[in-house]
C-alpha atoms as a PDB file:
ATOM      1  CA  UNK A   1      -1.509-115.926 104.702  1.00  0.00           C
ATOM      2  CA  UNK A   2       0.253-114.188 107.514  1.00  0.00           C
ATOM      3  CA  UNK A   3       3.041-116.255 107.936  1.00  0.00           C
ATOM      4  CA  UNK A   4       4.207-116.132 104.228  1.00  0.00           C
ATOM      5  CA  UNK A   5       7.620-116.926 104.146  1.00  0.00           C
ATOM      6  CA  UNK A   6      10.285-115.476 101.708  1.00  0.00           C
ATOM      7  CA  UNK A   7      10.846-118.419  99.453  1.00  0.00           C
ATOM      8  CA  UNK A   8      13.466-119.027  96.609  1.00  0.00           C
ATOM      9  CA  UNK A   9      11.415-118.698  93.395  1.00  0.00           C
ATOM     10  CA  UNK A  10      12.454-121.173  91.015  1.00  0.00           C
ATOM     11  CA  UNK A  11      13.627-120.777  87.445  1.00  0.00           C
ATOM     12  CA  UNK A  12      10.722-120.784  84.916  1.00  0.00           C
ATOM     13  CA  UNK A  13      10.722-123.492  82.298  1.00  0.00           C
ATOM     14  CA  UNK A  14      12.855-122.737  79.205  1.00  0.00           C
ATOM     15  CA  UNK A  15       9.881-123.523  76.929  1.00  0.00           C
ATOM     16  CA  UNK A  16       6.894-121.919  78.050  1.00  0.00           C
ATOM     17  CA  UNK A  17       4.086-121.645  75.503  1.00  0.00           C
ATOM     18  CA  UNK A  18       1.130-120.791  77.711  1.00  0.00           C
ATOM     19  CA  UNK A  19      -0.074-117.729  79.905  1.00  0.00           C
ATOM     20  CA  UNK A  20      -1.476-118.903  83.499  1.00  0.00           C
ATOM     21  CA  UNK A  21      -4.124-116.694  84.784  1.00  0.00           C
ATOM     22  CA  UNK A  22      -5.479-116.887  88.221  1.00  0.00           C
ATOM     23  CA  UNK A  23      -9.088-115.964  88.518  1.00  0.00           C
ATOM     24  CA  UNK A  24      -9.298-114.641  92.009  1.00  0.00           C
ATOM     25  CA  UNK A  25     -11.524-112.802  94.597  1.00  0.00           C
ATOM     26  CA  UNK A  26     -11.417-113.829  98.109  1.00  0.00           C
ATOM     27  CA  UNK A  27     -15.404-112.748  98.277  1.00  0.00           C
ATOM     28  CA  UNK A  28     -18.060-115.402  97.313  1.00  0.00           C
ATOM     29  CA  UNK A  29     -20.673-114.930  95.023  1.00  0.00           C
ATOM     30  CA  UNK A  30     -18.872-112.143  92.721  1.00  0.00           C
ATOM     31  CA  UNK A  31     -19.011-114.151  89.499  1.00  0.00           C
ATOM     32  CA  UNK A  32     -15.507-115.640  89.721  1.00  0.00           C
ATOM     33  CA  UNK A  33     -16.324-119.351  88.312  1.00  0.00           C
ATOM     34  CA  UNK A  34     -19.037-117.775  85.835  1.00  0.00           C
ATOM     35  CA  UNK A  35     -16.234-115.807  84.435  1.00  0.00           C
ATOM     36  CA  UNK A  36     -13.579-118.453  84.430  1.00  0.00           C
ATOM     37  CA  UNK A  37     -15.791-121.002  82.629  1.00  0.00           C
ATOM     38  CA  UNK A  38     -17.410-118.298  79.970  1.00  0.00           C
ATOM     39  CA  UNK A  39     -14.006-116.486  79.467  1.00  0.00           C
ATOM     40  CA  UNK A  40     -12.798-119.996  78.851  1.00  0.00           C
ATOM     41  CA  UNK A  41     -15.431-121.042  76.333  1.00  0.00           C
ATOM     42  CA  UNK A  42     -15.278-117.559  74.424  1.00  0.00           C
ATOM     43  CA  UNK A  43     -11.672-118.057  74.078  1.00  0.00           C
ATOM     44  CA  UNK A  44     -12.029-121.593  73.057  1.00  0.00           C
ATOM     45  CA  UNK A  45     -14.962-120.465  70.414  1.00  0.00           C
ATOM     46  CA  UNK A  46     -12.295-117.867  68.588  1.00  0.00           C
ATOM     47  CA  UNK A  47      -9.860-120.838  68.210  1.00  0.00           C
ATOM     48  CA  UNK A  48      -7.765-120.611  71.194  1.00  0.00           C
ATOM     49  CA  UNK A  49      -6.596-123.958  73.405  1.00  0.00           C
ATOM     50  CA  UNK A  50      -7.777-123.291  76.879  1.00  0.00           C
ATOM     51  CA  UNK A  51      -7.195-125.361  80.167  1.00  0.00           C
ATOM     52  CA  UNK A  52      -9.249-124.617  83.071  1.00  0.00           C
ATOM     53  CA  UNK A  53      -7.789-125.999  86.227  1.00  0.00           C
ATOM     54  CA  UNK A  54     -10.713-125.998  89.076  1.00  0.00           C
ATOM     55  CA  UNK A  55      -8.966-125.245  92.235  1.00  0.00           C
ATOM     56  CA  UNK A  56     -12.048-124.459  94.279  1.00  0.00           C
ATOM     57  CA  UNK A  57     -13.367-127.388  96.584  1.00  0.00           C
ATOM     58  CA  UNK A  58     -16.964-126.497  95.715  1.00  0.00           C
ATOM     59  CA  UNK A  59     -16.298-127.627  92.103  1.00  0.00           C
ATOM     60  CA  UNK A  60     -18.444-125.242  90.771  1.00  0.00           C
ATOM     61  CA  UNK A  61     -16.469-125.033  87.385  1.00  0.00           C
ATOM     62  CA  UNK A  62     -16.377-128.701  86.986  1.00  0.00           C
ATOM     63  CA  UNK A  63     -20.145-128.696  87.357  1.00  0.00           C
ATOM     64  CA  UNK A  64     -20.738-125.808  85.011  1.00  0.00           C
ATOM     65  CA  UNK A  65     -18.569-127.428  82.225  1.00  0.00           C
ATOM     66  CA  UNK A  66     -20.627-130.365  82.288  1.00  0.00           C
ATOM     67  CA  UNK A  67     -18.748-133.070  84.820  1.00  0.00           C
ATOM     68  CA  UNK A  68     -21.000-134.946  87.482  1.00  0.00           C
ATOM     69  CA  UNK A  69     -19.510-135.644  90.966  1.00  0.00           C
ATOM     70  CA  UNK A  70     -19.212-139.124  89.945  1.00  0.00           C
ATOM     71  CA  UNK A  71     -17.564-138.568  86.577  1.00  0.00           C
ATOM     72  CA  UNK A  72     -14.311-136.802  88.802  1.00  0.00           C
ATOM     73  CA  UNK A  73     -11.851-139.396  89.129  1.00  0.00           C
ATOM     74  CA  UNK A  74      -8.159-137.707  89.100  1.00  0.00           C
ATOM     75  CA  UNK A  75      -8.672-134.491  90.312  1.00  0.00           C
ATOM     76  CA  UNK A  76      -6.914-131.399  91.142  1.00  0.00           C
ATOM     77  CA  UNK A  77      -6.484-132.759  94.700  1.00  0.00           C
ATOM     78  CA  UNK A  78      -4.443-135.765  93.173  1.00  0.00           C
ATOM     79  CA  UNK A  79      -2.107-133.309  91.543  1.00  0.00           C
ATOM     80  CA  UNK A  80      -1.603-131.090  94.660  1.00  0.00           C
ATOM     81  CA  UNK A  81      -0.835-134.440  96.695  1.00  0.00           C
ATOM     82  CA  UNK A  82       1.867-135.617  93.999  1.00  0.00           C
ATOM     83  CA  UNK A  83      -0.196-138.658  93.221  1.00  0.00           C
ATOM     84  CA  UNK A  84      -1.077-137.736  89.759  1.00  0.00           C
ATOM     85  CA  UNK A  85       0.449-135.697  87.072  1.00  0.00           C
ATOM     86  CA  UNK A  86      -1.320-132.479  85.672  1.00  0.00           C
ATOM     87  CA  UNK A  87      -1.334-134.353  82.283  1.00  0.00           C
ATOM     88  CA  UNK A  88      -3.132-137.376  83.962  1.00  0.00           C
ATOM     89  CA  UNK A  89      -5.839-135.292  85.477  1.00  0.00           C
ATOM     90  CA  UNK A  90      -7.015-133.201  82.266  1.00  0.00           C
ATOM     91  CA  UNK A  91     -10.240-134.217  80.997  1.00  0.00           C
ATOM     92  CA  UNK A  92     -11.652-132.971  77.501  1.00  0.00           C
ATOM     93  CA  UNK A  93     -14.531-131.148  78.059  1.00  0.00           C
ATOM     94  CA  UNK A  94     -17.592-131.171  75.605  1.00  0.00           C
ATOM     95  CA  UNK A  95     -16.339-127.905  74.083  1.00  0.00           C
ATOM     96  CA  UNK A  96     -13.645-128.161  71.327  1.00  0.00           C
ATOM     97  CA  UNK A  97     -10.413-126.857  72.570  1.00  0.00           C
ATOM     98  CA  UNK A  98     -11.505-126.537  76.059  1.00  0.00           C
ATOM     99  CA  UNK A  99     -10.141-128.772  78.706  1.00  0.00           C
ATOM    100  CA  UNK A 100     -10.389-128.977  82.531  1.00  0.00           C
ATOM    101  CA  UNK A 101      -8.925-130.434  85.723  1.00  0.00           C
ATOM    102  CA  UNK A 102     -11.854-131.310  87.904  1.00  0.00           C
ATOM    103  CA  UNK A 103     -12.178-130.656  91.640  1.00  0.00           C
ATOM    104  CA  UNK A 104     -14.001-132.445  94.354  1.00  0.00           C
ATOM    105  CA  UNK A 105     -14.342-131.541  98.145  1.00  0.00           C
ATOM    106  CA  UNK A 106     -11.305-133.347  98.734  1.00  0.00           C
ATOM    107  CA  UNK A 107      -9.663-130.112  98.129  1.00  0.00           C
ATOM    108  CA  UNK A 108     -10.772-129.174 101.481  1.00  0.00           C
ATOM    109  CA  UNK A 109      -8.148-131.529 103.082  1.00  0.00           C
ATOM    110  CA  UNK A 110      -5.467-130.307 100.934  1.00  0.00           C
ATOM    111  CA  UNK A 111      -5.403-127.278 102.642  1.00  0.00           C
ATOM    112  CA  UNK A 112      -4.271-128.952 105.805  1.00  0.00           C
ATOM    113  CA  UNK A 113      -2.118-131.570 104.177  1.00  0.00           C
ATOM    114  CA  UNK A 114      -0.244-128.902 102.103  1.00  0.00           C
ATOM    115  CA  UNK A 115       1.286-127.484 105.272  1.00  0.00           C
ATOM    116  CA  UNK A 116       3.666-130.095 105.775  1.00  0.00           C
ATOM    117  CA  UNK A 117       4.410-130.814 101.978  1.00  0.00           C
ATOM    118  CA  UNK A 118       7.570-129.836 100.240  1.00  0.00           C
ATOM    119  CA  UNK A 119       7.452-126.728  98.227  1.00  0.00           C
ATOM    120  CA  UNK A 120       3.703-126.260  99.570  1.00  0.00           C
ATOM    121  CA  UNK A 121       3.394-122.994  98.013  1.00  0.00           C
ATOM    122  CA  UNK A 122       4.590-124.083  94.456  1.00  0.00           C
ATOM    123  CA  UNK A 123       2.555-127.361  94.153  1.00  0.00           C
ATOM    124  CA  UNK A 124       0.325-125.866  90.995  1.00  0.00           C
ATOM    125  CA  UNK A 125       3.381-123.969  89.507  1.00  0.00           C
ATOM    126  CA  UNK A 126       5.535-127.288  89.402  1.00  0.00           C
ATOM    127  CA  UNK A 127       2.990-129.656  88.173  1.00  0.00           C
ATOM    128  CA  UNK A 128       1.905-126.866  85.300  1.00  0.00           C
ATOM    129  CA  UNK A 129       5.609-126.304  84.520  1.00  0.00           C
ATOM    130  CA  UNK A 130       6.455-130.243  84.323  1.00  0.00           C
ATOM    131  CA  UNK A 131       3.315-131.020  82.086  1.00  0.00           C
ATOM    132  CA  UNK A 132       3.971-128.489  79.041  1.00  0.00           C
ATOM    133  CA  UNK A 133       0.026-129.194  77.979  1.00  0.00           C
ATOM    134  CA  UNK A 134       0.620-127.114  74.762  1.00  0.00           C
ATOM    135  CA  UNK A 135      -2.556-125.003  75.850  1.00  0.00           C
ATOM    136  CA  UNK A 136      -2.647-121.058  74.841  1.00  0.00           C
ATOM    137  CA  UNK A 137      -4.136-120.288  78.134  1.00  0.00           C
ATOM    138  CA  UNK A 138      -4.588-121.766  81.683  1.00  0.00           C
ATOM    139  CA  UNK A 139      -7.112-120.372  83.799  1.00  0.00           C
ATOM    140  CA  UNK A 140      -7.237-121.298  87.337  1.00  0.00           C
ATOM    141  CA  UNK A 141     -10.358-120.979  89.205  1.00  0.00           C
ATOM    142  CA  UNK A 142      -9.824-120.025  92.718  1.00  0.00           C
ATOM    143  CA  UNK A 143     -11.911-120.681  95.896  1.00  0.00           C
ATOM    144  CA  UNK A 144     -13.300-117.552  97.634  1.00  0.00           C
ATOM    145  CA  UNK A 145     -10.475-117.387 100.312  1.00  0.00           C
ATOM    146  CA  UNK A 146      -6.702-116.331 100.668  1.00  0.00           C
ATOM    147  CA  UNK A 147      -5.394-119.621 101.851  1.00  0.00           C
ATOM    148  CA  UNK A 148      -2.947-122.097 100.475  1.00  0.00           C
ATOM    149  CA  UNK A 149      -4.809-122.944  97.471  1.00  0.00           C
ATOM    150  CA  UNK A 150      -5.141-119.460  96.270  1.00  0.00           C
ATOM    151  CA  UNK A 151      -1.552-118.799  96.849  1.00  0.00           C
ATOM    152  CA  UNK A 152      -0.750-121.835  94.822  1.00  0.00           C
ATOM    153  CA  UNK A 153      -2.554-120.283  91.790  1.00  0.00           C
ATOM    154  CA  UNK A 154      -0.765-117.189  92.139  1.00  0.00           C
ATOM    155  CA  UNK A 155       2.389-118.733  92.651  1.00  0.00           C
ATOM    156  CA  UNK A 156       1.796-120.534  89.189  1.00  0.00           C
ATOM    157  CA  UNK A 157       0.214-117.594  87.550  1.00  0.00           C
ATOM    158  CA  UNK A 158       1.745-114.800  85.133  1.00  0.00           C
ATOM    159  CA  UNK A 159      -1.463-112.618  85.952  1.00  0.00           C
ATOM    160  CA  UNK A 160      -4.460-112.236  88.072  1.00  0.00           C
ATOM    161  CA  UNK A 161      -7.830-111.309  86.579  1.00  0.00           C
ATOM    162  CA  UNK A 162     -10.242-110.167  89.334  1.00  0.00           C
ATOM    163  CA  UNK A 163     -14.264-110.251  88.898  1.00  0.00           C
ATOM    164  CA  UNK A 164     -15.460-107.229  90.814  1.00  0.00           C
ATOM    165  CA  UNK A 165     -19.094-107.433  91.489  1.00  0.00           C
ATOM    166  CA  UNK A 166     -20.710-103.964  91.347  1.00  0.00           C
ATOM    167  CA  UNK A 167     -21.948-103.777  94.992  1.00  0.00           C
ATOM    168  CA  UNK A 168     -21.518-102.615  98.252  1.00  0.00           C
ATOM    169  CA  UNK A 169     -18.030-103.265 100.053  1.00  0.00           C
ATOM    170  CA  UNK A 170     -16.605-104.559  96.635  1.00  0.00           C
ATOM    171  CA  UNK A 171     -13.662-102.073  96.477  1.00  0.00           C
ATOM    172  CA  UNK A 172     -12.891-102.702 100.271  1.00  0.00           C
ATOM    173  CA  UNK A 173     -12.477-106.351  99.575  1.00  0.00           C
ATOM    174  CA  UNK A 174     -10.597-105.567  96.286  1.00  0.00           C
ATOM    175  CA  UNK A 175      -8.077-103.613  98.379  1.00  0.00           C
ATOM    176  CA  UNK A 176      -7.279-106.582 100.392  1.00  0.00           C
ATOM    177  CA  UNK A 177      -6.819-108.764  97.563  1.00  0.00           C
ATOM    178  CA  UNK A 178      -4.395-106.206  95.787  1.00  0.00           C
ATOM    179  CA  UNK A 179      -2.362-106.332  99.121  1.00  0.00           C
ATOM    180  CA  UNK A 180      -2.057-110.080  99.027  1.00  0.00           C
ATOM    181  CA  UNK A 181      -1.152-110.086  95.311  1.00  0.00           C
ATOM    182  CA  UNK A 182       1.767-107.369  95.985  1.00  0.00           C
ATOM    183  CA  UNK A 183       2.855-109.695  98.970  1.00  0.00           C
ATOM    184  CA  UNK A 184       2.772-112.786  96.729  1.00  0.00           C
ATOM    185  CA  UNK A 185       4.824-110.702  94.146  1.00  0.00           C
ATOM    186  CA  UNK A 186       7.328-109.754  96.746  1.00  0.00           C
ATOM    187  CA  UNK A 187       7.810-113.191  98.227  1.00  0.00           C
ATOM    188  CA  UNK A 188       6.870-115.940  95.937  1.00  0.00           C
ATOM    189  CA  UNK A 189       6.158-114.721  92.574  1.00  0.00           C
ATOM    190  CA  UNK A 190       8.058-111.645  91.028  1.00  0.00           C
ATOM    191  CA  UNK A 191       6.692-111.733  87.696  1.00  0.00           C
ATOM    192  CA  UNK A 192       2.960-112.084  89.020  1.00  0.00           C
ATOM    193  CA  UNK A 193       0.805-109.074  87.518  1.00  0.00           C
ATOM    194  CA  UNK A 194      -2.605-107.637  87.658  1.00  0.00           C
ATOM    195  CA  UNK A 195      -3.861-108.157  84.218  1.00  0.00           C
ATOM    196  CA  UNK A 196      -7.148-106.404  84.756  1.00  0.00           C
ATOM    197  CA  UNK A 197     -10.441-106.156  86.715  1.00  0.00           C
ATOM    198  CA  UNK A 198     -13.915-107.146  85.355  1.00  0.00           C
ATOM    199  CA  UNK A 199     -16.943-105.638  86.509  1.00  0.00           C
ATOM    200  CA  UNK A 200     -19.543-108.026  87.191  1.00  0.00           C
ATOM    201  CA  UNK A 201     -23.353-108.418  87.984  1.00  0.00           C
ATOM    202  CA  UNK A 202     -23.759-104.674  86.631  1.00  0.00           C
ATOM    203  CA  UNK A 203     -27.398-103.585  87.127  1.00  0.00           C
ATOM    204  CA  UNK A 204     -28.096-100.595  84.989  1.00  0.00           C
ATOM    205  CA  UNK A 205     -31.183 -99.756  86.874  1.00  0.00           C
ATOM    206  CA  UNK A 206     -29.005 -99.466  90.376  1.00  0.00           C
ATOM    207  CA  UNK A 207     -27.293 -96.285  90.774  1.00  0.00           C
ATOM    208  CA  UNK A 208     -25.010 -98.162  93.173  1.00  0.00           C
ATOM    209  CA  UNK A 209     -23.506-100.215  89.982  1.00  0.00           C
ATOM    210  CA  UNK A 210     -22.736 -97.173  88.126  1.00  0.00           C
ATOM    211  CA  UNK A 211     -21.141 -95.661  91.376  1.00  0.00           C
ATOM    212  CA  UNK A 212     -18.944 -98.892  92.010  1.00  0.00           C
ATOM    213  CA  UNK A 213     -17.892 -98.730  88.622  1.00  0.00           C
ATOM    214  CA  UNK A 214     -16.992 -94.991  88.561  1.00  0.00           C
ATOM    215  CA  UNK A 215     -15.221 -95.955  91.647  1.00  0.00           C
ATOM    216  CA  UNK A 216     -13.160 -98.610  90.355  1.00  0.00           C
ATOM    217  CA  UNK A 217     -12.121 -96.874  87.206  1.00  0.00           C
ATOM    218  CA  UNK A 218     -11.136 -93.928  89.477  1.00  0.00           C
ATOM    219  CA  UNK A 219      -8.774 -96.296  91.464  1.00  0.00           C
ATOM    220  CA  UNK A 220      -7.341 -98.530  89.067  1.00  0.00           C
ATOM    221  CA  UNK A 221      -7.868 -96.605  85.597  1.00  0.00           C
ATOM    222  CA  UNK A 222      -7.498 -98.732  82.762  1.00  0.00           C
ATOM    223  CA  UNK A 223      -6.720-101.957  84.459  1.00  0.00           C
ATOM    224  CA  UNK A 224     -10.577-102.073  84.617  1.00  0.00           C
ATOM    225  CA  UNK A 225     -11.703-103.844  81.357  1.00  0.00           C
ATOM    226  CA  UNK A 226     -14.108-101.984  79.304  1.00  0.00           C
ATOM    227  CA  UNK A 227     -16.605-104.766  78.878  1.00  0.00           C
ATOM    228  CA  UNK A 228     -18.997-105.021  81.890  1.00  0.00           C
ATOM    229  CA  UNK A 229     -20.894-108.018  82.641  1.00  0.00           C
ATOM    230  CA  UNK A 230     -24.614-107.451  83.313  1.00  0.00           C
ATOM    231  CA  UNK A 231     -26.546-109.298  86.044  1.00  0.00           C
ATOM    232  CA  UNK A 232     -28.574-111.662  83.708  1.00  0.00           C
ATOM    233  CA  UNK A 233     -31.008-114.473  84.812  1.00  0.00           C
ATOM    234  CA  UNK A 234     -29.632-116.737  81.634  1.00  0.00           C
ATOM    235  CA  UNK A 235     -26.343-116.681  83.312  1.00  0.00           C
ATOM    236  CA  UNK A 236     -27.719-117.636  86.598  1.00  0.00           C
ATOM    237  CA  UNK A 237     -29.578-120.713  84.943  1.00  0.00           C
ATOM    238  CA  UNK A 238     -26.684-122.149  82.926  1.00  0.00           C
ATOM    239  CA  UNK A 239     -24.798-123.995  85.521  1.00  0.00           C
ATOM    240  CA  UNK A 240     -28.098-126.060  86.355  1.00  0.00           C
ATOM    241  CA  UNK A 241     -27.862-127.443  82.994  1.00  0.00           C
ATOM    242  CA  UNK A 242     -24.017-128.131  82.981  1.00  0.00           C
ATOM    243  CA  UNK A 243     -23.318-125.746  80.327  1.00  0.00           C
ATOM    244  CA  UNK A 244     -21.622-122.073  80.332  1.00  0.00           C
ATOM    245  CA  UNK A 245     -23.893-119.291  79.476  1.00  0.00           C
ATOM    246  CA  UNK A 246     -22.244-118.833  76.295  1.00  0.00           C
ATOM    247  CA  UNK A 247     -23.379-122.320  75.095  1.00  0.00           C
ATOM    248  CA  UNK A 248     -26.742-122.477  77.248  1.00  0.00           C
ATOM    249  CA  UNK A 249     -28.218-119.313  75.656  1.00  0.00           C
ATOM    250  CA  UNK A 250     -25.421-117.403  73.138  1.00  0.00           C
ATOM    251  CA  UNK A 251     -28.021-114.665  72.408  1.00  0.00           C
ATOM    252  CA  UNK A 252     -28.684-113.297  75.807  1.00  0.00           C
ATOM    253  CA  UNK A 253     -26.891-110.026  76.909  1.00  0.00           C
ATOM    254  CA  UNK A 254     -24.569-111.989  79.495  1.00  0.00           C
ATOM    255  CA  UNK A 255     -23.379-114.287  76.670  1.00  0.00           C
ATOM    256  CA  UNK A 256     -22.538-111.101  74.539  1.00  0.00           C
ATOM    257  CA  UNK A 257     -20.867-109.532  77.108  1.00  0.00           C
ATOM    258  CA  UNK A 258     -18.462-112.620  77.721  1.00  0.00           C
ATOM    259  CA  UNK A 259     -17.762-112.862  74.021  1.00  0.00           C
ATOM    260  CA  UNK A 260     -17.002-109.256  74.307  1.00  0.00           C
ATOM    261  CA  UNK A 261     -14.588-109.798  77.121  1.00  0.00           C
ATOM    262  CA  UNK A 262     -12.816-112.424  75.390  1.00  0.00           C
ATOM    263  CA  UNK A 263     -12.046-110.338  72.510  1.00  0.00           C
ATOM    264  CA  UNK A 264     -10.764-107.513  74.768  1.00  0.00           C
ATOM    265  CA  UNK A 265      -8.833-110.019  76.814  1.00  0.00           C
ATOM    266  CA  UNK A 266      -7.098-110.838  73.683  1.00  0.00           C
ATOM    267  CA  UNK A 267      -6.504-107.356  72.508  1.00  0.00           C
ATOM    268  CA  UNK A 268      -5.076-106.410  75.886  1.00  0.00           C
ATOM    269  CA  UNK A 269      -2.931-109.501  76.076  1.00  0.00           C
ATOM    270  CA  UNK A 270      -1.603-108.710  72.417  1.00  0.00           C
ATOM    271  CA  UNK A 271      -2.656-112.167  71.261  1.00  0.00           C
ATOM    272  CA  UNK A 272      -4.071-112.226  67.632  1.00  0.00           C
ATOM    273  CA  UNK A 273      -7.665-113.231  67.004  1.00  0.00           C
ATOM    274  CA  UNK A 274      -8.283-116.449  64.839  1.00  0.00           C
ATOM    275  CA  UNK A 275     -10.584-115.643  61.834  1.00  0.00           C
END
């Protein structure tokens, strides 16, 4: 994204009832998709209406919410290319209150095709604003790269939520992402904010996890969520069953952490919690 142009930012729709969050980190394997689908499921469980947009060509969020490759007809690629509206692409997941726009490997081609498209950085934003889906929250699962797909997500988002794994070099990657967020804010989306950083894959037996957590809080203060997601085998197993961990085993430590994360997320966003 080194050649990001300064583009006139369109006016936001007058009647906006949702908040859009990009779940982003340019590093792979940090728990980004896991955080997206489990946070979404936990929010739905407490009475919120949630739409997940799978913007990762790997399609892991789609798989993790129970959609086989053969069951993905109208996808995020169709929305980006303009051959379908966001409403046409929305699928109801097996989880009440949780909907999904699926993804396939076709999105790999979208990165190239977007280069010559009008408003190439605003394809997702335009689709979201035109749809008025009625969801409380829209979570966009970004690919592990800072290309045009992630740029589209950041241009569409009100805020960025960053999963940060408690491992070596984590803060170095975070610094690069925060610089990108700042550039997008200046050039594409002046309302974009960092809503928080979620520490993932925390291993209490490992001193390095404690050190990364302490360093993150030292650099970012209260932007780092109090809730920490532990390294947990049940979280790792859940996607192979086509379920988020909070449904696969709601009693495991990872699931309890994601439920706590949802409550903290709503508290930080000043959203009342359903009974």
